[in-house]
């Protein structure tokens, strides 16, 4: 089973924007308190984990549905899911970590890191890759297609730009895979190894990665499509170092909700990035977008100049759906992970947000 194609992903991401602005509909989760959330999620046959926290206090953390077809194969709060495109914020953090270490700058161009970059792409900057303003296309193949670095770069560099460099927001998985390669070239480490040493370990995220964590057999959820069990993500066509470049660094990292809470706390506590770099990380660098009010570095940004500033990002395949919302000024974190393609993930996050902000 291949993951969702580019068009479906963009439709899903557009749905996020729609749910942020639309009024309640029959599909909305109406939350008066966390008990009503629990009842609603069970009524919807939701499959996954929902975690809500404020600062160091977990307000809600429950699991629903099945992670596999074994007799006792139910999701629990420690189940590992595919975070899909939430991976991008980790790639962005890796780039900024290298900038903190004076190993690169976001104003560097592609031609500094790659040979034979064609004229129309040689001046694309890391900043433009981070903000989806490079003009590069979304993707060049299936997420689980075998592809070498040479083949990947040849196809990317030979592709036509879909907009002038730096002028428009066009969501690009290709751009984030290039960022992953830049991380490897600058750090002289494999992408996941760099994230593990610089982000996951300092944040105590011991259950996040591609292949480094010692996953137990029943720890990672199988994906479900129309109630039919499919593979675990790490049972797909991966290399020894995780996914090939059509997916690597733009998606596919595996995690559990508690690890994402630790990541949120690391951001707000400046554990991995210092205060100035965190501000740069969560700054609205590009607008308008067709998804969020504006885009930072791997994050959508809403209400930037408000006490209710929101940084968020979702992800989806045809087997998994994810969303993380953080209100950094309020210390609120909302995490929804599902092992189904479930558009209500975004609605759930929004309604939890509405309930909390109304308190």
Protein backbone atom coordinates (compact mmCIF):
# COMPACT_ATOMS: atom_id res chain seq x y z
CA UNK A 1 0.00 0.00 0.00
CA UNK A 2 1.52 3.32 -1.03
CA UNK A 3 0.92 6.45 0.94
CA UNK A 4 -1.36 9.23 -0.19
CA UNK A 5 -0.54 11.03 -3.40
CA UNK A 6 0.27 14.71 -3.72
CA UNK A 7 -3.20 15.86 -4.73
CA UNK A 8 -4.85 14.05 -1.81
CA UNK A 9 -2.34 15.50 0.63
CA UNK A 10 -3.06 19.04 -0.55
CA UNK A 11 -6.79 18.43 -0.26
CA UNK A 12 -6.25 17.23 3.30
CA UNK A 13 -4.14 20.25 4.18
CA UNK A 14 -6.76 22.56 2.65
CA UNK A 15 -9.32 20.85 4.87
CA UNK A 16 -7.29 22.02 7.85
CA UNK A 17 -7.71 25.64 6.79
CA UNK A 18 -11.42 25.12 6.20
CA UNK A 19 -11.96 23.66 9.66
CA UNK A 20 -10.14 26.54 11.26
CA UNK A 21 -12.63 29.04 9.87
CA UNK A 22 -15.94 27.29 9.32
CA UNK A 23 -18.87 27.28 11.71
CA UNK A 24 -20.03 24.11 13.45
CA UNK A 25 -21.49 21.41 11.24
CA UNK A 26 -22.99 18.00 11.84
CA UNK A 27 -19.49 16.51 11.62
CA UNK A 28 -18.02 18.70 14.35
CA UNK A 29 -17.02 17.35 17.73
CA UNK A 30 -18.91 19.41 20.31
CA UNK A 31 -16.94 19.51 23.55
CA UNK A 32 -18.35 20.83 26.80
CA UNK A 33 -15.72 19.06 28.90
CA UNK A 34 -13.29 16.20 28.53
CA UNK A 35 -15.95 13.65 29.43
CA UNK A 36 -18.00 14.73 26.44
CA UNK A 37 -14.85 14.48 24.28
CA UNK A 38 -14.38 10.89 25.43
CA UNK A 39 -18.01 10.04 24.65
CA UNK A 40 -17.81 11.69 21.24
CA UNK A 41 -14.60 9.92 20.24
CA UNK A 42 -16.05 6.54 21.19
CA UNK A 43 -19.24 7.30 19.29
CA UNK A 44 -17.22 8.14 16.20
CA UNK A 45 -15.19 4.90 16.42
CA UNK A 46 -12.06 7.05 16.46
CA UNK A 47 -8.86 5.02 16.23
CA UNK A 48 -5.79 6.61 17.75
CA UNK A 49 -4.57 8.66 20.70
CA UNK A 50 -5.55 12.12 21.91
CA UNK A 51 -3.32 13.99 24.37
CA UNK A 52 -3.99 17.46 25.78
CA UNK A 53 -1.63 19.22 28.18
CA UNK A 54 -1.01 22.62 29.67
CA UNK A 55 2.55 23.25 30.76
CA UNK A 56 3.53 20.12 32.71
CA UNK A 57 -0.02 18.96 33.46
CA UNK A 58 -1.67 16.35 31.26
CA UNK A 59 -5.36 17.25 31.03
CA UNK A 60 -6.49 14.37 28.82
CA UNK A 61 -4.73 11.31 27.40
CA UNK A 62 -6.71 8.37 26.04
CA UNK A 63 -6.41 5.75 23.32
CA UNK A 64 -9.14 4.33 21.11
CA UNK A 65 -9.55 1.64 18.48
CA UNK A 66 -7.19 -1.06 17.27
CA UNK A 67 -3.51 -0.97 16.42
CA UNK A 68 -3.59 -4.44 14.86
CA UNK A 69 -5.88 -7.45 14.42
CA UNK A 70 -4.35 -9.53 17.20
CA UNK A 71 -6.62 -10.60 20.04
CA UNK A 72 -5.42 -7.83 22.37
CA UNK A 73 -4.31 -5.45 19.62
CA UNK A 74 -5.88 -2.25 20.91
CA UNK A 75 -4.27 1.17 20.78
CA UNK A 76 -2.87 2.39 24.09
CA UNK A 77 -1.36 5.72 25.06
CA UNK A 78 2.13 4.43 24.16
CA UNK A 79 1.23 3.20 20.67
CA UNK A 80 3.61 4.47 17.97
CA UNK A 81 2.11 6.15 14.90
CA UNK A 82 3.36 7.63 11.63
CA UNK A 83 3.46 11.39 12.25
CA UNK A 84 3.48 12.02 8.46
CA UNK A 85 4.26 15.65 7.57
CA UNK A 86 4.79 16.73 11.17
CA UNK A 87 8.27 15.41 10.33
CA UNK A 88 8.90 18.74 8.58
CA UNK A 89 9.12 20.68 11.84
CA UNK A 90 11.87 18.32 13.02
CA UNK A 91 13.80 18.80 9.79
CA UNK A 92 13.42 22.57 10.19
CA UNK A 93 14.64 22.36 13.78
CA UNK A 94 17.65 20.37 12.59
CA UNK A 95 18.53 23.08 10.08
CA UNK A 96 18.23 25.80 12.72
CA UNK A 97 20.33 23.77 15.14
CA UNK A 98 23.10 23.74 12.53
CA UNK A 99 22.69 27.49 12.08
CA UNK A 100 23.02 27.92 15.86
CA UNK A 101 26.28 25.98 15.59
CA UNK A 102 27.46 28.34 12.79
CA UNK A 103 27.56 25.44 10.34
CA UNK A 104 25.20 27.06 7.83
CA UNK A 105 22.83 29.98 7.35
CA UNK A 106 19.27 29.93 6.06
CA UNK A 107 20.40 32.39 3.37
CA UNK A 108 22.69 29.76 1.82
CA UNK A 109 21.71 28.68 -1.68
CA UNK A 110 21.37 25.21 -3.16
CA UNK A 111 24.48 25.68 -5.25
CA UNK A 112 26.57 25.74 -2.05
CA UNK A 113 25.59 22.15 -1.25
CA UNK A 114 24.88 20.46 -4.58
CA UNK A 115 26.79 20.16 -7.83
CA UNK A 116 25.33 20.94 -11.24
CA UNK A 117 22.32 22.85 -9.96
CA UNK A 118 20.59 24.33 -13.04
CA UNK A 119 20.43 28.10 -13.45
CA UNK A 120 16.75 28.37 -12.54
CA UNK A 121 17.34 26.67 -9.17
CA UNK A 122 20.89 27.61 -8.14
CA UNK A 123 19.80 30.63 -6.10
CA UNK A 124 17.03 28.87 -4.15
CA UNK A 125 17.83 29.40 -0.48
CA UNK A 126 17.40 27.22 2.57
CA UNK A 127 14.91 29.83 3.81
CA UNK A 128 12.80 29.28 0.70
CA UNK A 129 12.93 25.51 1.11
CA UNK A 130 11.81 25.89 4.73
CA UNK A 131 8.88 28.17 3.82
CA UNK A 132 7.68 26.27 0.71
CA UNK A 133 8.48 29.33 -1.40
CA UNK A 134 11.19 27.74 -3.56
CA UNK A 135 8.94 27.15 -6.56
CA UNK A 136 9.85 23.45 -6.52
CA UNK A 137 7.16 20.88 -7.23
CA UNK A 138 5.55 18.85 -4.44
CA UNK A 139 6.92 15.39 -5.20
CA UNK A 140 8.45 13.21 -7.89
CA UNK A 141 7.23 9.72 -7.02
CA UNK A 142 5.62 7.41 -4.52
CA UNK A 143 6.69 7.60 -0.89
CA UNK A 144 7.95 4.02 -0.89
CA UNK A 145 9.63 3.98 -4.30
CA UNK A 146 13.28 2.96 -4.27
CA UNK A 147 15.38 5.90 -5.44
CA UNK A 148 19.05 6.80 -5.08
CA UNK A 149 20.29 10.26 -4.11
CA UNK A 150 21.68 10.71 -7.63
CA UNK A 151 18.35 9.75 -9.21
CA UNK A 152 16.42 11.96 -6.81
CA UNK A 153 18.55 15.03 -7.47
CA UNK A 154 18.50 14.46 -11.21
CA UNK A 155 14.71 14.33 -11.28
CA UNK A 156 14.32 17.35 -9.00
CA UNK A 157 16.82 19.51 -10.85
CA UNK A 158 15.37 18.55 -14.24
CA UNK A 159 11.80 19.37 -13.17
CA UNK A 160 10.16 22.66 -14.12
CA UNK A 161 9.54 25.23 -11.41
CA UNK A 162 5.83 25.68 -10.71
CA UNK A 163 6.24 29.31 -9.64
CA UNK A 164 9.03 31.90 -9.62
CA UNK A 165 11.54 31.39 -6.82
CA UNK A 166 10.50 33.17 -3.62
CA UNK A 167 7.19 34.50 -4.87
CA UNK A 168 4.50 31.95 -3.99
CA UNK A 169 3.71 29.33 -1.37
CA UNK A 170 3.65 25.88 -2.95
CA UNK A 171 3.79 22.99 -0.50
CA UNK A 172 6.86 20.95 -1.42
CA UNK A 173 7.87 17.60 0.01
CA UNK A 174 10.81 17.71 -2.38
CA UNK A 175 12.09 20.87 -0.70
CA UNK A 176 12.17 19.22 2.70
CA UNK A 177 13.95 16.15 1.35
CA UNK A 178 16.61 18.53 0.02
CA UNK A 179 16.86 20.01 3.53
CA UNK A 180 17.41 16.49 4.86
CA UNK A 181 20.28 16.04 2.43
CA UNK A 182 21.76 19.39 3.48
CA UNK A 183 21.64 18.25 7.12
CA UNK A 184 23.56 15.13 6.15
CA UNK A 185 26.17 17.01 4.11
CA UNK A 186 26.81 19.65 6.78
CA UNK A 187 26.72 17.36 9.84
CA UNK A 188 28.43 14.41 8.11
CA UNK A 189 25.82 12.21 9.79
CA UNK A 190 22.82 10.30 8.55
CA UNK A 191 19.65 12.41 8.82
CA UNK A 192 18.02 10.32 11.55
CA UNK A 193 21.26 9.98 13.49
CA UNK A 194 21.62 13.77 13.54
CA UNK A 195 18.06 14.30 14.74
CA UNK A 196 18.50 11.59 17.33
CA UNK A 197 21.63 13.18 18.83
CA UNK A 198 20.60 16.83 18.53
CA UNK A 199 16.82 16.74 19.08
CA UNK A 200 15.40 13.42 20.27
CA UNK A 201 17.94 12.54 22.96
CA UNK A 202 18.06 16.06 24.53
CA UNK A 203 14.25 16.03 24.58
CA UNK A 204 14.03 12.48 26.04
CA UNK A 205 12.13 11.39 22.92
CA UNK A 206 13.28 7.78 23.02
CA UNK A 207 10.38 6.45 20.95
CA UNK A 208 10.75 8.70 17.91
CA UNK A 209 12.59 7.99 14.68
CA UNK A 210 12.73 5.78 11.63
CA UNK A 211 14.90 2.79 12.56
CA UNK A 212 17.03 3.79 15.57
CA UNK A 213 14.39 3.07 18.28
CA UNK A 214 14.19 -0.60 19.20
CA UNK A 215 10.53 -0.97 18.29
CA UNK A 216 8.77 -3.90 19.93
CA UNK A 217 6.71 -6.06 17.58
CA UNK A 218 3.34 -4.78 18.78
CA UNK A 219 4.46 -1.20 19.57
CA UNK A 220 3.91 0.35 16.12
CA UNK A 221 0.34 0.61 14.88
CA UNK A 222 -0.74 -0.93 11.62
CA UNK A 223 -2.51 1.46 9.30
CA UNK A 224 -6.18 0.91 8.49
CA UNK A 225 -7.97 1.83 5.29
CA UNK A 226 -11.76 1.44 5.28
CA UNK A 227 -11.43 -0.82 8.35
CA UNK A 228 -8.99 -3.12 6.53
CA UNK A 229 -5.64 -3.67 8.24
CA UNK A 230 -2.53 -2.75 6.24
CA UNK A 231 1.20 -2.72 6.96
CA UNK A 232 3.02 -0.91 9.68
CA UNK A 233 4.89 2.05 8.13
CA UNK A 234 8.28 0.46 8.85
CA UNK A 235 7.19 -2.71 7.06
CA UNK A 236 7.04 -0.82 3.77
CA UNK A 237 9.88 -0.53 1.23
CA UNK A 238 12.50 1.25 3.34
CA UNK A 239 16.27 1.25 3.15
CA UNK A 240 18.45 0.27 6.11
CA UNK A 241 18.35 3.95 7.17
CA UNK A 242 14.61 4.42 6.84
CA UNK A 243 12.58 5.69 3.91
CA UNK A 244 14.05 6.63 0.57
CA UNK A 245 14.26 10.29 -0.44
CA UNK A 246 10.72 10.66 -1.73
CA UNK A 247 9.67 10.48 1.93
CA UNK A 248 12.83 11.00 3.98
CA UNK A 249 12.91 14.27 5.95
CA UNK A 250 9.51 15.40 4.69
CA UNK A 251 7.44 12.70 6.37
CA UNK A 252 7.26 9.26 7.83
CA UNK A 253 8.93 9.64 11.23
CA UNK A 254 7.31 7.35 13.79
CA UNK A 255 6.42 8.60 17.26
CA UNK A 256 3.97 8.37 20.11
CA UNK A 257 1.88 11.13 21.65
CA UNK A 258 3.95 11.39 24.83
CA UNK A 259 7.10 12.01 22.77
CA UNK A 260 5.37 14.80 20.87
CA UNK A 261 4.43 16.38 24.19
CA UNK A 262 8.09 16.23 25.20
CA UNK A 263 8.95 17.91 21.89
CA UNK A 264 6.41 20.67 22.55
CA UNK A 265 7.89 21.22 25.99
CA UNK A 266 11.40 21.33 24.52
CA UNK A 267 10.28 24.06 22.14
CA UNK A 268 8.67 26.13 24.88
CA UNK A 269 11.59 25.57 27.28
CA UNK A 270 14.28 26.30 24.63
CA UNK A 271 15.85 22.90 25.32
CA UNK A 272 17.06 22.25 21.76
CA UNK A 273 17.01 25.73 20.23
CA UNK A 274 17.94 28.86 22.15
CA UNK A 275 15.37 31.59 22.71
CA UNK A 276 16.36 33.69 19.71
CA UNK A 277 16.38 30.67 17.40
CA UNK A 278 13.04 29.44 18.72
CA UNK A 279 11.55 32.86 17.94
CA UNK A 280 12.91 32.53 14.40
CA UNK A 281 11.57 28.97 14.18
CA UNK A 282 8.03 30.06 15.10
CA UNK A 283 8.00 33.37 13.20
CA UNK A 284 5.53 33.90 10.29
CA UNK A 285 8.10 34.09 7.51
CA UNK A 286 5.80 33.73 4.51
CA UNK A 287 2.24 34.64 3.62
CA UNK A 288 -0.24 34.19 2.17
CA UNK A 289 -0.48 30.41 2.05
CA UNK A 290 -3.29 28.15 0.88
CA UNK A 291 -3.23 26.29 4.19
CA UNK A 292 -2.44 28.57 7.13
CA UNK A 293 -2.49 32.31 7.82
CA UNK A 294 1.28 32.21 7.40
CA UNK A 295 4.12 29.71 7.48
CA UNK A 296 7.16 29.63 9.72
CA UNK A 297 9.90 27.04 9.50
CA UNK A 298 7.97 23.75 9.37
CA UNK A 299 4.96 25.26 11.15
CA UNK A 300 1.73 26.95 10.21
CA UNK A 301 1.30 30.16 12.21
CA UNK A 302 -2.02 31.71 13.25
CA UNK A 303 -2.71 34.82 15.36
CA UNK A 304 0.98 35.67 15.59
CA UNK A 305 0.57 38.99 17.41
CA UNK A 306 -2.02 37.66 19.85
CA UNK A 307 -1.91 36.03 23.27
CA UNK A 308 -3.62 33.17 21.42
CA UNK A 309 -0.76 32.67 18.98
CA UNK A 310 -1.07 29.19 17.52
CA UNK A 311 1.61 27.11 15.83
CA UNK A 312 0.35 23.94 14.21
CA UNK A 313 0.97 21.34 11.57
CA UNK A 314 -0.90 18.32 10.33
CA UNK A 315 0.01 15.31 8.28
CA UNK A 316 -1.80 12.56 6.46
CA UNK A 317 -1.43 9.48 4.34
CA UNK A 318 -4.11 7.08 3.24
CA UNK A 319 -3.40 5.10 6.44
CA UNK A 320 -2.45 7.67 9.12
CA UNK A 321 -3.50 11.18 10.13
CA UNK A 322 -1.86 13.50 12.65
CA UNK A 323 -2.12 17.00 14.04
CA UNK A 324 -0.17 18.98 16.63
CA UNK A 325 -1.33 22.37 17.92
CA UNK A 326 0.72 24.46 20.34
CA UNK A 327 -0.27 27.72 22.01
CA UNK A 328 3.20 28.82 23.18
CA UNK A 329 1.93 31.82 25.15
CA UNK A 330 -0.51 29.65 27.08
CA UNK A 331 1.54 26.47 27.39
CA UNK A 332 -1.20 24.43 25.69
CA UNK A 333 -0.40 21.39 23.56
CA UNK A 334 -3.00 19.37 21.61
CA UNK A 335 -1.92 16.13 19.92
CA UNK A 336 -4.15 13.89 17.83
CA UNK A 337 -2.71 10.78 16.17
CA UNK A 338 -4.72 8.23 14.21
CA UNK A 339 -3.89 5.04 12.31
CA UNK A 340 -6.66 5.74 9.82
CA UNK A 341 -7.18 8.39 7.18
CA UNK A 342 -9.53 10.44 9.33
CA UNK A 343 -10.39 14.04 8.48
CA UNK A 344 -11.99 14.48 11.90
CA UNK A 345 -8.50 14.63 13.42
CA UNK A 346 -8.41 18.31 12.49
CA UNK A 347 -11.91 18.92 13.79
CA UNK A 348 -11.05 17.22 17.07
CA UNK A 349 -8.01 19.44 17.56
CA UNK A 350 -9.99 22.57 16.72
CA UNK A 351 -12.84 21.78 19.09
CA UNK A 352 -10.45 20.96 21.93
CA UNK A 353 -8.81 24.30 21.23
CA UNK A 354 -12.14 26.14 21.28
CA UNK A 355 -13.07 24.50 24.58
CA UNK A 356 -9.74 25.35 26.25
CA UNK A 357 -9.64 28.94 25.03
CA UNK A 358 -13.17 29.51 26.31
CA UNK A 359 -12.16 28.65 29.89
